[in-house]
Amino acid sequence: MQTLNIFLQAPAGGGMSNLIILVMMILVFWLFMIRPQAKKAKQQKQFMNNIQKGDKIVTIAGIHGTVNKINEDNTMSLEVSPGSYIKIEKSALSMEWTANINKVTEEKK
């Protein structure tokens, strides 16, 4: 009966170390998951707000074009070929692909 009692007793001071481990796990999760994603969302929003008429952009569907008109309802008119326009949502813009296409264009100049 005495050996059974040894196994049923909780170790002394184990609660504090478990709490510290839990806090550290939350900190690591925040540093590597939540913070970078919030930073990228902020950059994406700033990118969408800085789009102007005449900018060359790429959508997340891979459509290349030039901004013709920016509307108040978060849409824009995109010229995909001379005289051919489509209406897209601002949220459909790809920040990475647009930056890449503009970088290639600047390097050619």
N, C-alpha and C. Protein backbone atom coordinates (compact mmCIF):
# COMPACT_ATOMS: atom_id res chain seq x y z
N MET A 1 0.81 -1.18 0.00
CA MET A 1 0.00 0.00 0.00
C MET A 1 0.86 1.25 0.00
N GLN A 2 2.01 1.17 0.62
CA GLN A 2 2.88 2.33 0.69
C GLN A 2 3.45 2.68 -0.69
N THR A 3 3.74 1.72 -1.55
CA THR A 3 4.25 2.01 -2.89
C THR A 3 3.19 2.70 -3.74
N LEU A 4 1.93 2.40 -3.54
CA LEU A 4 0.85 3.05 -4.27
C LEU A 4 0.75 4.52 -3.90
N ASN A 5 0.97 4.85 -2.62
CA ASN A 5 0.95 6.23 -2.16
C ASN A 5 2.05 7.06 -2.81
N ILE A 6 3.18 6.50 -3.06
CA ILE A 6 4.30 7.22 -3.66
C ILE A 6 3.94 7.65 -5.08
N PHE A 7 3.24 6.80 -5.81
CA PHE A 7 2.88 7.11 -7.18
C PHE A 7 1.72 8.11 -7.28
N LEU A 8 0.88 8.18 -6.27
CA LEU A 8 -0.28 9.06 -6.31
C LEU A 8 0.03 10.48 -5.88
N GLN A 9 1.13 10.72 -5.21
CA GLN A 9 1.46 12.04 -4.73
C GLN A 9 2.06 12.88 -5.86
N ALA A 10 1.64 14.14 -5.93
CA ALA A 10 2.16 15.06 -6.95
C ALA A 10 3.53 15.56 -6.52
N PRO A 11 4.42 15.78 -7.46
CA PRO A 11 5.73 16.31 -7.10
C PRO A 11 5.61 17.73 -6.56
N ALA A 12 6.42 18.05 -5.59
CA ALA A 12 6.38 19.37 -4.96
C ALA A 12 6.97 20.42 -5.90
N GLY A 13 6.28 21.57 -6.02
CA GLY A 13 6.79 22.67 -6.83
C GLY A 13 6.62 22.49 -8.32
N GLY A 14 5.87 21.55 -8.79
CA GLY A 14 5.70 21.29 -10.22
C GLY A 14 4.79 22.28 -10.90
N GLY A 15 3.91 22.94 -10.16
CA GLY A 15 2.96 23.88 -10.74
C GLY A 15 3.61 25.12 -11.32
N MET A 16 4.61 25.63 -10.65
CA MET A 16 5.28 26.85 -11.11
C MET A 16 6.07 26.60 -12.39
N SER A 17 6.75 25.49 -12.49
CA SER A 17 7.53 25.21 -13.69
C SER A 17 6.61 24.97 -14.89
N ASN A 18 5.45 24.37 -14.67
CA ASN A 18 4.50 24.18 -15.75
C ASN A 18 3.95 25.51 -16.25
N LEU A 19 3.73 26.43 -15.35
CA LEU A 19 3.24 27.76 -15.71
C LEU A 19 4.28 28.51 -16.53
N ILE A 20 5.53 28.43 -16.15
CA ILE A 20 6.61 29.09 -16.88
C ILE A 20 6.73 28.52 -18.29
N ILE A 21 6.63 27.21 -18.41
CA ILE A 21 6.70 26.56 -19.73
C ILE A 21 5.54 27.01 -20.60
N LEU A 22 4.36 27.09 -20.04
CA LEU A 22 3.18 27.53 -20.79
C LEU A 22 3.33 28.97 -21.28
N VAL A 23 3.82 29.85 -20.42
CA VAL A 23 4.03 31.26 -20.80
C VAL A 23 5.08 31.35 -21.91
N MET A 24 6.13 30.57 -21.82
CA MET A 24 7.18 30.58 -22.85
C MET A 24 6.64 30.07 -24.18
N MET A 25 5.79 29.05 -24.15
CA MET A 25 5.19 28.53 -25.38
C MET A 25 4.31 29.59 -26.04
N ILE A 26 3.54 30.30 -25.25
CA ILE A 26 2.68 31.37 -25.79
C ILE A 26 3.54 32.48 -26.38
N LEU A 27 4.61 32.85 -25.72
CA LEU A 27 5.53 33.88 -26.21
C LEU A 27 6.14 33.47 -27.56
N VAL A 28 6.60 32.25 -27.67
CA VAL A 28 7.20 31.76 -28.91
C VAL A 28 6.14 31.75 -30.02
N PHE A 29 4.95 31.30 -29.71
CA PHE A 29 3.86 31.28 -30.70
C PHE A 29 3.57 32.69 -31.20
N TRP A 30 3.53 33.66 -30.29
CA TRP A 30 3.27 35.04 -30.68
C TRP A 30 4.40 35.60 -31.54
N LEU A 31 5.66 35.33 -31.16
CA LEU A 31 6.80 35.85 -31.89
C LEU A 31 6.91 35.30 -33.31
N PHE A 32 6.62 34.02 -33.48
CA PHE A 32 6.84 33.38 -34.78
C PHE A 32 5.59 33.24 -35.64
N MET A 33 4.41 33.42 -35.08
CA MET A 33 3.19 33.23 -35.87
C MET A 33 2.34 34.50 -35.96
N ILE A 34 1.96 35.07 -34.87
CA ILE A 34 0.99 36.16 -34.87
C ILE A 34 1.64 37.47 -35.30
N ARG A 35 2.76 37.81 -34.75
CA ARG A 35 3.41 39.10 -35.04
C ARG A 35 3.79 39.24 -36.51
N PRO A 36 4.44 38.26 -37.14
CA PRO A 36 4.78 38.41 -38.56
C PRO A 36 3.54 38.52 -39.46
N GLN A 37 2.50 37.78 -39.12
CA GLN A 37 1.30 37.83 -39.95
C GLN A 37 0.61 39.18 -39.83
N ALA A 38 0.59 39.76 -38.65
CA ALA A 38 0.00 41.09 -38.46
C ALA A 38 0.83 42.15 -39.21
N LYS A 39 2.14 41.99 -39.20
CA LYS A 39 3.02 42.92 -39.90
C LYS A 39 2.77 42.86 -41.41
N LYS A 40 2.61 41.65 -41.94
CA LYS A 40 2.36 41.48 -43.37
C LYS A 40 0.99 42.04 -43.76
N ALA A 41 -0.01 41.86 -42.91
CA ALA A 41 -1.34 42.41 -43.18
C ALA A 41 -1.30 43.93 -43.22
N LYS A 42 -0.51 44.53 -42.35
CA LYS A 42 -0.37 45.99 -42.32
C LYS A 42 0.31 46.47 -43.60
N GLN A 43 1.34 45.76 -44.07
CA GLN A 43 2.02 46.12 -45.31
C GLN A 43 1.08 45.99 -46.51
N GLN A 44 0.26 44.94 -46.53
CA GLN A 44 -0.69 44.73 -47.63
C GLN A 44 -1.71 45.86 -47.68
N LYS A 45 -2.21 46.28 -46.52
CA LYS A 45 -3.18 47.37 -46.47
C LYS A 45 -2.55 48.67 -46.96
N GLN A 46 -1.32 48.95 -46.55
CA GLN A 46 -0.61 50.15 -46.99
C GLN A 46 -0.38 50.10 -48.50
N PHE A 47 -0.04 48.92 -49.03
CA PHE A 47 0.17 48.75 -50.47
C PHE A 47 -1.10 49.06 -51.24
N MET A 48 -2.23 48.55 -50.77
CA MET A 48 -3.51 48.79 -51.46
C MET A 48 -3.90 50.26 -51.41
N ASN A 49 -3.60 50.94 -50.33
CA ASN A 49 -3.94 52.36 -50.21
C ASN A 49 -3.04 53.25 -51.06
N ASN A 50 -1.84 52.79 -51.41
CA ASN A 50 -0.89 53.60 -52.18
C ASN A 50 -0.99 53.38 -53.69
N ILE A 51 -1.88 52.51 -54.15
CA ILE A 51 -2.04 52.28 -55.59
C ILE A 51 -2.60 53.54 -56.24
N GLN A 52 -2.03 53.93 -57.38
CA GLN A 52 -2.46 55.12 -58.09
C GLN A 52 -2.72 54.78 -59.56
N LYS A 53 -3.40 55.69 -60.24
CA LYS A 53 -3.68 55.52 -61.66
C LYS A 53 -2.35 55.45 -62.42
N GLY A 54 -2.24 54.49 -63.31
CA GLY A 54 -1.03 54.32 -64.12
C GLY A 54 -0.07 53.28 -63.57
N ASP A 55 -0.29 52.79 -62.36
CA ASP A 55 0.59 51.77 -61.78
C ASP A 55 0.37 50.42 -62.48
N LYS A 56 1.47 49.71 -62.70
CA LYS A 56 1.38 48.35 -63.25
C LYS A 56 1.22 47.40 -62.08
N ILE A 57 0.20 46.52 -62.17
CA ILE A 57 -0.08 45.60 -61.08
C ILE A 57 -0.33 44.20 -61.60
N VAL A 58 -0.30 43.25 -60.67
CA VAL A 58 -0.63 41.86 -60.94
C VAL A 58 -1.64 41.41 -59.89
N THR A 59 -2.69 40.72 -60.32
CA THR A 59 -3.69 40.24 -59.38
C THR A 59 -3.28 38.87 -58.84
N ILE A 60 -3.97 38.40 -57.82
CA ILE A 60 -3.65 37.08 -57.27
C ILE A 60 -4.00 35.97 -58.24
N ALA A 61 -4.82 36.29 -59.27
CA ALA A 61 -5.14 35.32 -60.32
C ALA A 61 -4.11 35.33 -61.44
N GLY A 62 -3.14 36.26 -61.35
CA GLY A 62 -2.08 36.33 -62.35
C GLY A 62 -2.38 37.26 -63.51
N ILE A 63 -3.40 38.09 -63.41
CA ILE A 63 -3.75 39.03 -64.48
C ILE A 63 -2.86 40.26 -64.35
N HIS A 64 -2.15 40.60 -65.43
CA HIS A 64 -1.28 41.77 -65.46
C HIS A 64 -2.04 42.92 -66.12
N GLY A 65 -1.85 44.12 -65.60
CA GLY A 65 -2.51 45.27 -66.20
C GLY A 65 -2.05 46.57 -65.59
N THR A 66 -2.66 47.65 -66.07
CA THR A 66 -2.36 49.00 -65.60
C THR A 66 -3.62 49.59 -65.00
N VAL A 67 -3.49 50.24 -63.84
CA VAL A 67 -4.65 50.84 -63.18
C VAL A 67 -5.14 52.00 -64.02
N ASN A 68 -6.44 51.96 -64.36
CA ASN A 68 -7.05 53.03 -65.14
C ASN A 68 -7.86 53.97 -64.27
N LYS A 69 -8.59 53.42 -63.31
CA LYS A 69 -9.45 54.23 -62.46
C LYS A 69 -9.61 53.54 -61.12
N ILE A 70 -9.57 54.31 -60.03
CA ILE A 70 -9.79 53.77 -58.68
C ILE A 70 -11.13 54.29 -58.19
N ASN A 71 -12.02 53.39 -57.84
CA ASN A 71 -13.36 53.75 -57.38
C ASN A 71 -13.40 53.84 -55.86
N GLU A 72 -14.44 54.46 -55.34
CA GLU A 72 -14.61 54.64 -53.89
C GLU A 72 -15.01 53.35 -53.17
N ASP A 73 -15.56 52.39 -53.89
CA ASP A 73 -16.07 51.17 -53.26
C ASP A 73 -15.05 50.03 -53.23
N ASN A 74 -13.77 50.37 -53.10
CA ASN A 74 -12.66 49.40 -53.04
C ASN A 74 -12.54 48.55 -54.30
N THR A 75 -12.96 49.11 -55.43
CA THR A 75 -12.76 48.45 -56.72
C THR A 75 -11.92 49.37 -57.59
N MET A 76 -11.40 48.80 -58.68
CA MET A 76 -10.64 49.60 -59.62
C MET A 76 -10.83 49.04 -61.02
N SER A 77 -10.62 49.90 -62.00
CA SER A 77 -10.68 49.51 -63.39
C SER A 77 -9.25 49.23 -63.84
N LEU A 78 -9.05 48.07 -64.42
CA LEU A 78 -7.71 47.63 -64.82
C LEU A 78 -7.68 47.45 -66.32
N GLU A 79 -6.73 48.10 -66.98
CA GLU A 79 -6.57 47.95 -68.42
C GLU A 79 -5.61 46.78 -68.67
N VAL A 80 -6.15 45.70 -69.24
CA VAL A 80 -5.33 44.51 -69.45
C VAL A 80 -4.70 44.48 -70.84
N SER A 81 -5.31 45.14 -71.79
CA SER A 81 -4.75 45.37 -73.12
C SER A 81 -5.34 46.67 -73.63
N PRO A 82 -4.73 47.31 -74.62
CA PRO A 82 -5.24 48.62 -75.06
C PRO A 82 -6.74 48.58 -75.40
N GLY A 83 -7.51 49.34 -74.65
CA GLY A 83 -8.95 49.44 -74.87
C GLY A 83 -9.76 48.35 -74.19
N SER A 84 -9.14 47.45 -73.44
CA SER A 84 -9.84 46.35 -72.77
C SER A 84 -9.70 46.54 -71.25
N TYR A 85 -10.84 46.71 -70.58
CA TYR A 85 -10.84 47.02 -69.15
C TYR A 85 -11.62 45.96 -68.37
N ILE A 86 -11.16 45.67 -67.16
CA ILE A 86 -11.91 44.80 -66.24
C ILE A 86 -11.99 45.51 -64.89
N LYS A 87 -13.03 45.17 -64.16
CA LYS A 87 -13.22 45.76 -62.83
C LYS A 87 -12.82 44.70 -61.80
N ILE A 88 -11.92 45.06 -60.88
CA ILE A 88 -11.45 44.12 -59.86
C ILE A 88 -11.53 44.76 -58.48
N GLU A 89 -11.52 43.92 -57.47
CA GLU A 89 -11.46 44.37 -56.08
C GLU A 89 -10.00 44.70 -55.73
N LYS A 90 -9.81 45.69 -54.87
CA LYS A 90 -8.45 46.02 -54.42
C LYS A 90 -7.82 44.84 -53.66
N SER A 91 -8.65 44.08 -52.98
CA SER A 91 -8.12 42.95 -52.19
C SER A 91 -7.59 41.83 -53.08
N ALA A 92 -7.84 41.91 -54.40
CA ALA A 92 -7.36 40.87 -55.32
C ALA A 92 -5.96 41.17 -55.84
N LEU A 93 -5.31 42.19 -55.33
CA LEU A 93 -3.96 42.53 -55.77
C LEU A 93 -2.93 41.69 -55.06
N SER A 94 -1.89 41.32 -55.77
CA SER A 94 -0.79 40.58 -55.17
C SER A 94 0.37 41.53 -54.94
N MET A 95 0.68 41.77 -53.68
CA MET A 95 1.75 42.68 -53.32
C MET A 95 3.11 42.15 -53.81
N GLU A 96 3.36 40.87 -53.63
CA GLU A 96 4.65 40.28 -53.99
C GLU A 96 4.86 40.28 -55.50
N TRP A 97 3.85 39.84 -56.25
CA TRP A 97 3.98 39.75 -57.70
C TRP A 97 4.07 41.14 -58.33
N THR A 98 3.33 42.10 -57.78
CA THR A 98 3.39 43.47 -58.29
C THR A 98 4.77 44.06 -58.04
N ALA A 99 5.32 43.86 -56.86
CA ALA A 99 6.66 44.36 -56.56
C ALA A 99 7.70 43.70 -57.47
N ASN A 100 7.52 42.41 -57.74
CA ASN A 100 8.46 41.68 -58.59
C ASN A 100 8.41 42.21 -60.03
N ILE A 101 7.22 42.43 -60.57
CA ILE A 101 7.10 42.91 -61.95
C ILE A 101 7.64 44.33 -62.08
N ASN A 102 7.42 45.17 -61.06
CA ASN A 102 7.94 46.53 -61.11
C ASN A 102 9.45 46.56 -60.94
N LYS A 103 10.01 45.61 -60.18
CA LYS A 103 11.46 45.53 -60.01
C LYS A 103 12.13 45.15 -61.33
N VAL A 104 11.52 44.21 -62.05
CA VAL A 104 12.07 43.78 -63.35
C VAL A 104 12.01 44.93 -64.34
N THR A 105 10.92 45.70 -64.32
CA THR A 105 10.77 46.83 -65.22
C THR A 105 11.81 47.91 -64.92
N GLU A 106 12.09 48.18 -63.64
CA GLU A 106 13.08 49.17 -63.26
C GLU A 106 14.48 48.74 -63.65
N GLU A 107 14.76 47.43 -63.57
CA GLU A 107 16.09 46.93 -63.92
C GLU A 107 16.35 47.08 -65.43
N LYS A 108 15.30 46.99 -66.24
CA LYS A 108 15.46 47.12 -67.69
C LYS A 108 15.77 48.56 -68.09
N LYS A 109 15.32 49.53 -67.27
CA LYS A 109 15.54 50.93 -67.60
C LYS A 109 16.93 51.33 -67.35
